[in-house]
N, C-alpha and C. Protein backbone atom coordinates (compact mmCIF):
# COMPACT_ATOMS: atom_id res chain seq x y z
N MET A 1 15.46 88.49 -15.13
CA MET A 1 14.36 89.07 -15.85
C MET A 1 13.07 88.52 -15.24
N SER A 2 12.14 89.42 -14.97
CA SER A 2 10.82 89.04 -14.48
C SER A 2 9.82 89.36 -15.57
N VAL A 3 8.98 88.39 -15.92
CA VAL A 3 8.01 88.58 -17.00
C VAL A 3 6.61 88.30 -16.47
N SER A 4 5.69 89.21 -16.75
CA SER A 4 4.28 89.02 -16.40
C SER A 4 3.48 89.02 -17.69
N ILE A 5 2.61 88.05 -17.85
CA ILE A 5 1.76 87.96 -19.03
C ILE A 5 0.32 87.92 -18.58
N SER A 6 -0.50 88.80 -19.16
CA SER A 6 -1.92 88.87 -18.81
C SER A 6 -2.75 88.79 -20.08
N PRO A 7 -3.88 88.10 -20.01
CA PRO A 7 -4.73 88.01 -21.21
C PRO A 7 -5.44 89.33 -21.50
N ILE A 8 -5.66 89.58 -22.77
CA ILE A 8 -6.50 90.71 -23.21
C ILE A 8 -7.77 90.09 -23.76
N LYS A 9 -8.92 90.53 -23.22
CA LYS A 9 -10.20 89.94 -23.61
C LYS A 9 -11.07 90.96 -24.32
N ASN A 10 -11.92 90.46 -25.23
CA ASN A 10 -12.88 91.35 -25.87
C ASN A 10 -14.12 91.47 -25.00
N ARG A 11 -15.14 92.17 -25.49
CA ARG A 11 -16.34 92.40 -24.68
C ARG A 11 -17.08 91.12 -24.33
N GLU A 12 -16.93 90.10 -25.13
CA GLU A 12 -17.59 88.82 -24.85
C GLU A 12 -16.78 87.96 -23.88
N GLY A 13 -15.58 88.41 -23.51
CA GLY A 13 -14.76 87.66 -22.58
C GLY A 13 -13.80 86.69 -23.22
N ARG A 14 -13.74 86.69 -24.56
CA ARG A 14 -12.80 85.80 -25.26
C ARG A 14 -11.41 86.44 -25.29
N ILE A 15 -10.42 85.62 -25.14
CA ILE A 15 -9.04 86.11 -25.19
C ILE A 15 -8.70 86.43 -26.63
N ILE A 16 -8.24 87.67 -26.84
CA ILE A 16 -7.88 88.09 -28.19
C ILE A 16 -6.41 88.48 -28.29
N GLY A 17 -5.71 88.42 -27.19
CA GLY A 17 -4.30 88.78 -27.20
C GLY A 17 -3.70 88.64 -25.82
N ALA A 18 -2.47 89.13 -25.69
CA ALA A 18 -1.78 89.07 -24.40
C ALA A 18 -0.97 90.34 -24.19
N SER A 19 -0.92 90.76 -22.97
CA SER A 19 -0.11 91.91 -22.57
C SER A 19 1.10 91.35 -21.83
N THR A 20 2.29 91.79 -22.25
CA THR A 20 3.52 91.29 -21.64
C THR A 20 4.31 92.45 -21.04
N ILE A 21 4.73 92.26 -19.81
CA ILE A 21 5.58 93.24 -19.14
C ILE A 21 6.84 92.52 -18.70
N ALA A 22 7.98 93.03 -19.12
CA ALA A 22 9.27 92.46 -18.74
C ALA A 22 10.03 93.49 -17.91
N ARG A 23 10.65 93.00 -16.86
CA ARG A 23 11.38 93.90 -15.96
C ARG A 23 12.71 93.28 -15.60
N ASP A 24 13.78 94.06 -15.70
CA ASP A 24 15.12 93.59 -15.34
C ASP A 24 15.27 93.66 -13.83
N ILE A 25 15.45 92.51 -13.19
CA ILE A 25 15.57 92.46 -11.72
C ILE A 25 16.98 92.06 -11.28
N THR A 26 17.94 92.22 -12.19
CA THR A 26 19.33 91.84 -11.89
C THR A 26 19.84 92.53 -10.63
N ALA A 27 19.62 93.83 -10.52
CA ALA A 27 20.12 94.58 -9.35
C ALA A 27 19.44 94.10 -8.07
N GLU A 28 18.13 93.82 -8.13
CA GLU A 28 17.42 93.34 -6.94
C GLU A 28 17.95 92.00 -6.48
N VAL A 29 18.17 91.10 -7.44
CA VAL A 29 18.68 89.77 -7.10
C VAL A 29 20.08 89.87 -6.51
N ALA A 30 20.92 90.71 -7.10
CA ALA A 30 22.29 90.89 -6.59
C ALA A 30 22.25 91.48 -5.18
N GLY A 31 21.37 92.45 -4.95
CA GLY A 31 21.24 93.05 -3.63
C GLY A 31 20.77 92.05 -2.59
N ARG A 32 19.82 91.21 -2.97
CA ARG A 32 19.32 90.18 -2.06
C ARG A 32 20.43 89.19 -1.71
N ARG A 33 21.20 88.81 -2.72
CA ARG A 33 22.31 87.87 -2.46
C ARG A 33 23.33 88.47 -1.51
N GLN A 34 23.67 89.76 -1.71
CA GLN A 34 24.62 90.41 -0.81
C GLN A 34 24.08 90.46 0.61
N ALA A 35 22.82 90.77 0.75
CA ALA A 35 22.21 90.82 2.09
C ALA A 35 22.24 89.45 2.74
N GLU A 36 21.92 88.41 1.99
CA GLU A 36 21.93 87.04 2.53
C GLU A 36 23.33 86.63 2.94
N GLU A 37 24.34 87.03 2.15
CA GLU A 37 25.73 86.72 2.50
C GLU A 37 26.13 87.42 3.79
N LYS A 38 25.75 88.69 3.94
CA LYS A 38 26.08 89.43 5.16
C LYS A 38 25.40 88.81 6.38
N ILE A 39 24.16 88.41 6.21
CA ILE A 39 23.43 87.76 7.31
C ILE A 39 24.12 86.46 7.70
N SER A 40 24.52 85.68 6.70
CA SER A 40 25.15 84.39 7.02
C SER A 40 26.49 84.59 7.72
N LEU A 41 27.20 85.70 7.42
CA LEU A 41 28.46 85.97 8.11
C LEU A 41 28.22 86.44 9.54
N CYS A 42 27.15 87.20 9.77
CA CYS A 42 26.86 87.74 11.09
C CYS A 42 26.16 86.74 12.01
N ARG A 43 25.43 85.81 11.43
CA ARG A 43 24.63 84.90 12.23
C ARG A 43 25.41 84.19 13.34
N PRO A 44 26.56 83.57 13.04
CA PRO A 44 27.29 82.88 14.13
C PRO A 44 27.73 83.82 15.24
N ILE A 45 28.13 85.03 14.88
CA ILE A 45 28.57 86.00 15.89
C ILE A 45 27.39 86.40 16.77
N CYS A 46 26.26 86.69 16.14
CA CYS A 46 25.07 87.07 16.91
C CYS A 46 24.59 85.94 17.81
N GLU A 47 24.62 84.72 17.29
CA GLU A 47 24.19 83.58 18.10
C GLU A 47 25.10 83.40 19.30
N GLU A 48 26.39 83.56 19.11
CA GLU A 48 27.33 83.42 20.24
C GLU A 48 27.11 84.53 21.26
N LEU A 49 26.88 85.75 20.80
CA LEU A 49 26.59 86.85 21.72
C LEU A 49 25.31 86.58 22.51
N ASP A 50 24.27 86.14 21.80
CA ASP A 50 23.01 85.84 22.46
C ASP A 50 23.19 84.79 23.55
N ARG A 51 23.93 83.75 23.24
CA ARG A 51 24.09 82.64 24.18
C ARG A 51 24.96 83.01 25.38
N SER A 52 25.86 83.99 25.20
CA SER A 52 26.78 84.33 26.29
C SER A 52 26.32 85.50 27.14
N LEU A 53 25.20 86.12 26.80
CA LEU A 53 24.68 87.23 27.61
C LEU A 53 24.38 86.76 29.03
N PRO A 54 24.64 87.60 30.02
CA PRO A 54 24.33 87.21 31.39
C PRO A 54 22.84 87.27 31.71
N ASP A 55 22.07 88.01 30.91
CA ASP A 55 20.63 88.12 31.11
C ASP A 55 19.88 87.12 30.24
N PRO A 56 18.72 86.68 30.72
CA PRO A 56 17.93 85.73 29.92
C PRO A 56 17.51 86.35 28.58
N LEU A 57 17.56 85.56 27.54
CA LEU A 57 17.14 85.99 26.21
C LEU A 57 16.36 84.85 25.57
N VAL A 58 15.16 85.15 25.15
CA VAL A 58 14.29 84.16 24.51
C VAL A 58 13.91 84.70 23.14
N THR A 59 14.10 83.88 22.12
CA THR A 59 13.67 84.25 20.77
C THR A 59 12.40 83.48 20.48
N ILE A 60 11.36 84.20 20.03
CA ILE A 60 10.09 83.54 19.74
C ILE A 60 9.67 83.84 18.31
N SER A 61 8.87 82.93 17.76
CA SER A 61 8.34 83.10 16.41
C SER A 61 7.11 84.00 16.46
N ALA A 62 6.60 84.34 15.29
CA ALA A 62 5.42 85.20 15.20
C ALA A 62 4.21 84.57 15.89
N ASN A 63 4.17 83.23 15.94
CA ASN A 63 3.02 82.57 16.58
C ASN A 63 3.29 82.21 18.04
N GLY A 64 4.36 82.79 18.62
CA GLY A 64 4.59 82.63 20.05
C GLY A 64 5.34 81.39 20.48
N LYS A 65 5.92 80.66 19.53
CA LYS A 65 6.71 79.48 19.87
C LYS A 65 8.16 79.88 20.13
N ILE A 66 8.77 79.27 21.11
CA ILE A 66 10.17 79.54 21.43
C ILE A 66 11.04 78.91 20.36
N THR A 67 11.93 79.73 19.76
CA THR A 67 12.83 79.22 18.73
C THR A 67 14.27 79.10 19.22
N ASP A 68 14.62 79.85 20.28
CA ASP A 68 15.96 79.73 20.85
C ASP A 68 15.99 80.39 22.22
N VAL A 69 16.90 79.97 23.05
CA VAL A 69 17.11 80.56 24.37
C VAL A 69 18.61 80.59 24.64
N ASN A 70 19.03 81.49 25.52
CA ASN A 70 20.44 81.49 25.89
C ASN A 70 20.64 80.73 27.21
N GLU A 71 21.90 80.63 27.61
CA GLU A 71 22.23 79.86 28.82
C GLU A 71 21.60 80.46 30.07
N ALA A 72 21.50 81.79 30.12
CA ALA A 72 20.91 82.43 31.30
C ALA A 72 19.44 82.03 31.46
N THR A 73 18.73 81.88 30.36
CA THR A 73 17.33 81.45 30.42
C THR A 73 17.24 80.03 30.96
N ILE A 74 18.12 79.17 30.51
CA ILE A 74 18.14 77.78 30.96
C ILE A 74 18.42 77.73 32.46
N LYS A 75 19.38 78.55 32.90
CA LYS A 75 19.75 78.59 34.31
C LYS A 75 18.58 79.08 35.18
N ILE A 76 17.90 80.13 34.75
CA ILE A 76 16.80 80.70 35.53
C ILE A 76 15.58 79.79 35.56
N THR A 77 15.26 79.18 34.41
CA THR A 77 14.05 78.35 34.35
C THR A 77 14.28 76.94 34.87
N GLY A 78 15.53 76.47 34.75
CA GLY A 78 15.80 75.08 35.11
C GLY A 78 15.29 74.10 34.07
N VAL A 79 14.96 74.60 32.89
CA VAL A 79 14.44 73.77 31.80
C VAL A 79 15.47 73.78 30.68
N SER A 80 15.74 72.61 30.09
CA SER A 80 16.75 72.52 29.05
C SER A 80 16.31 73.23 27.76
N ARG A 81 17.28 73.60 26.95
CA ARG A 81 17.02 74.23 25.65
C ARG A 81 16.12 73.33 24.81
N GLU A 82 16.41 72.05 24.79
CA GLU A 82 15.63 71.11 23.98
C GLU A 82 14.17 71.08 24.41
N GLN A 83 13.92 71.19 25.73
CA GLN A 83 12.55 71.19 26.23
C GLN A 83 11.83 72.50 25.94
N LEU A 84 12.56 73.60 25.92
CA LEU A 84 11.95 74.91 25.70
C LEU A 84 11.63 75.17 24.22
N ILE A 85 12.56 74.82 23.34
CA ILE A 85 12.38 75.12 21.91
C ILE A 85 11.17 74.39 21.35
N GLY A 86 10.34 75.16 20.66
CA GLY A 86 9.14 74.61 20.03
C GLY A 86 7.90 74.70 20.89
N THR A 87 8.07 75.10 22.16
CA THR A 87 6.91 75.21 23.04
C THR A 87 6.41 76.65 23.07
N ASP A 88 5.22 76.84 23.63
CA ASP A 88 4.63 78.18 23.72
C ASP A 88 5.35 79.03 24.76
N PHE A 89 5.74 80.22 24.37
CA PHE A 89 6.39 81.17 25.25
C PHE A 89 5.55 81.40 26.51
N SER A 90 4.25 81.51 26.33
CA SER A 90 3.36 81.83 27.44
C SER A 90 3.31 80.72 28.49
N ASN A 91 3.71 79.51 28.15
CA ASN A 91 3.74 78.42 29.13
C ASN A 91 4.75 78.66 30.24
N TYR A 92 5.78 79.44 29.95
CA TYR A 92 6.87 79.62 30.90
C TYR A 92 7.02 81.04 31.42
N PHE A 93 6.67 82.03 30.61
CA PHE A 93 7.08 83.38 30.91
C PHE A 93 5.96 84.39 31.08
N THR A 94 4.73 83.98 31.21
CA THR A 94 3.66 84.94 31.45
C THR A 94 2.76 84.45 32.58
N GLU A 95 2.12 85.38 33.22
CA GLU A 95 1.16 85.05 34.26
C GLU A 95 -0.15 84.67 33.59
N PRO A 96 -0.83 83.63 34.04
CA PRO A 96 -2.10 83.22 33.41
C PRO A 96 -3.15 84.33 33.39
N GLU A 97 -3.19 85.13 34.46
CA GLU A 97 -4.22 86.17 34.53
C GLU A 97 -3.84 87.43 33.75
N GLY A 98 -2.62 87.52 33.28
CA GLY A 98 -2.19 88.71 32.53
C GLY A 98 -1.29 88.33 31.38
N PRO A 99 -1.84 87.75 30.32
CA PRO A 99 -1.00 87.30 29.21
C PRO A 99 -0.09 88.42 28.70
N GLY A 100 1.15 88.05 28.46
CA GLY A 100 2.10 89.00 27.93
C GLY A 100 2.98 89.66 28.97
N THR A 101 2.71 89.43 30.25
CA THR A 101 3.55 90.01 31.29
C THR A 101 4.57 88.97 31.73
N VAL A 102 5.78 89.42 31.95
CA VAL A 102 6.84 88.49 32.34
C VAL A 102 6.64 88.09 33.79
N THR A 103 6.74 86.82 34.06
CA THR A 103 6.52 86.32 35.41
C THR A 103 7.72 86.57 36.30
N SER A 104 7.46 86.82 37.56
CA SER A 104 8.55 87.11 38.50
C SER A 104 9.19 85.85 39.05
N ARG A 105 8.55 84.69 38.91
CA ARG A 105 9.12 83.48 39.50
C ARG A 105 10.43 83.07 38.84
N PHE A 106 10.72 83.61 37.65
CA PHE A 106 11.98 83.33 36.99
C PHE A 106 12.95 84.49 37.15
N SER A 107 12.85 85.18 38.28
CA SER A 107 13.71 86.33 38.52
C SER A 107 14.43 86.22 39.85
N PRO A 108 15.26 85.21 40.04
CA PRO A 108 16.00 85.11 41.30
C PRO A 108 16.99 86.24 41.43
N GLU A 109 17.30 86.62 42.66
CA GLU A 109 18.29 87.64 42.95
C GLU A 109 17.97 88.98 42.28
N GLY A 110 16.70 89.26 42.09
CA GLY A 110 16.32 90.55 41.54
C GLY A 110 16.45 90.69 40.04
N LEU A 111 16.88 89.62 39.35
CA LEU A 111 17.00 89.70 37.90
C LEU A 111 15.60 89.71 37.29
N SER A 112 15.35 90.63 36.38
CA SER A 112 14.08 90.67 35.68
C SER A 112 14.33 90.53 34.19
N PRO A 113 13.99 89.38 33.62
CA PRO A 113 14.23 89.21 32.19
C PRO A 113 13.45 90.24 31.39
N THR A 114 14.10 90.82 30.39
CA THR A 114 13.41 91.73 29.48
C THR A 114 13.14 90.96 28.21
N ILE A 115 11.89 90.84 27.85
CA ILE A 115 11.50 90.09 26.67
C ILE A 115 11.00 91.10 25.65
N PHE A 116 11.58 91.07 24.46
CA PHE A 116 11.16 91.97 23.39
C PHE A 116 10.26 91.25 22.45
């Protein structure tokens, strides 16, 4: 149950009562729990797939920090996962003169990492 209570004021601004709105959120909470359970079941599978891909894969946060990398990224950059995680994506994967473009120096043998 979700309850919202708001004051009711008279013309002078004094509180003379309260407005109450109650809403049953049982279905929403149950739906959220089901979604969270499905995510928790899929997470290990997705993480294993990400790590075993032959192409570099970098996961970044909304503020541009690296949150995870796969083995291919480690191999191409020569930088360990521990060193990469938490650092700025742009420090490793963009050209200084063109922010947001993937650098070619991490593309040996014609491999071009695709960063989403």
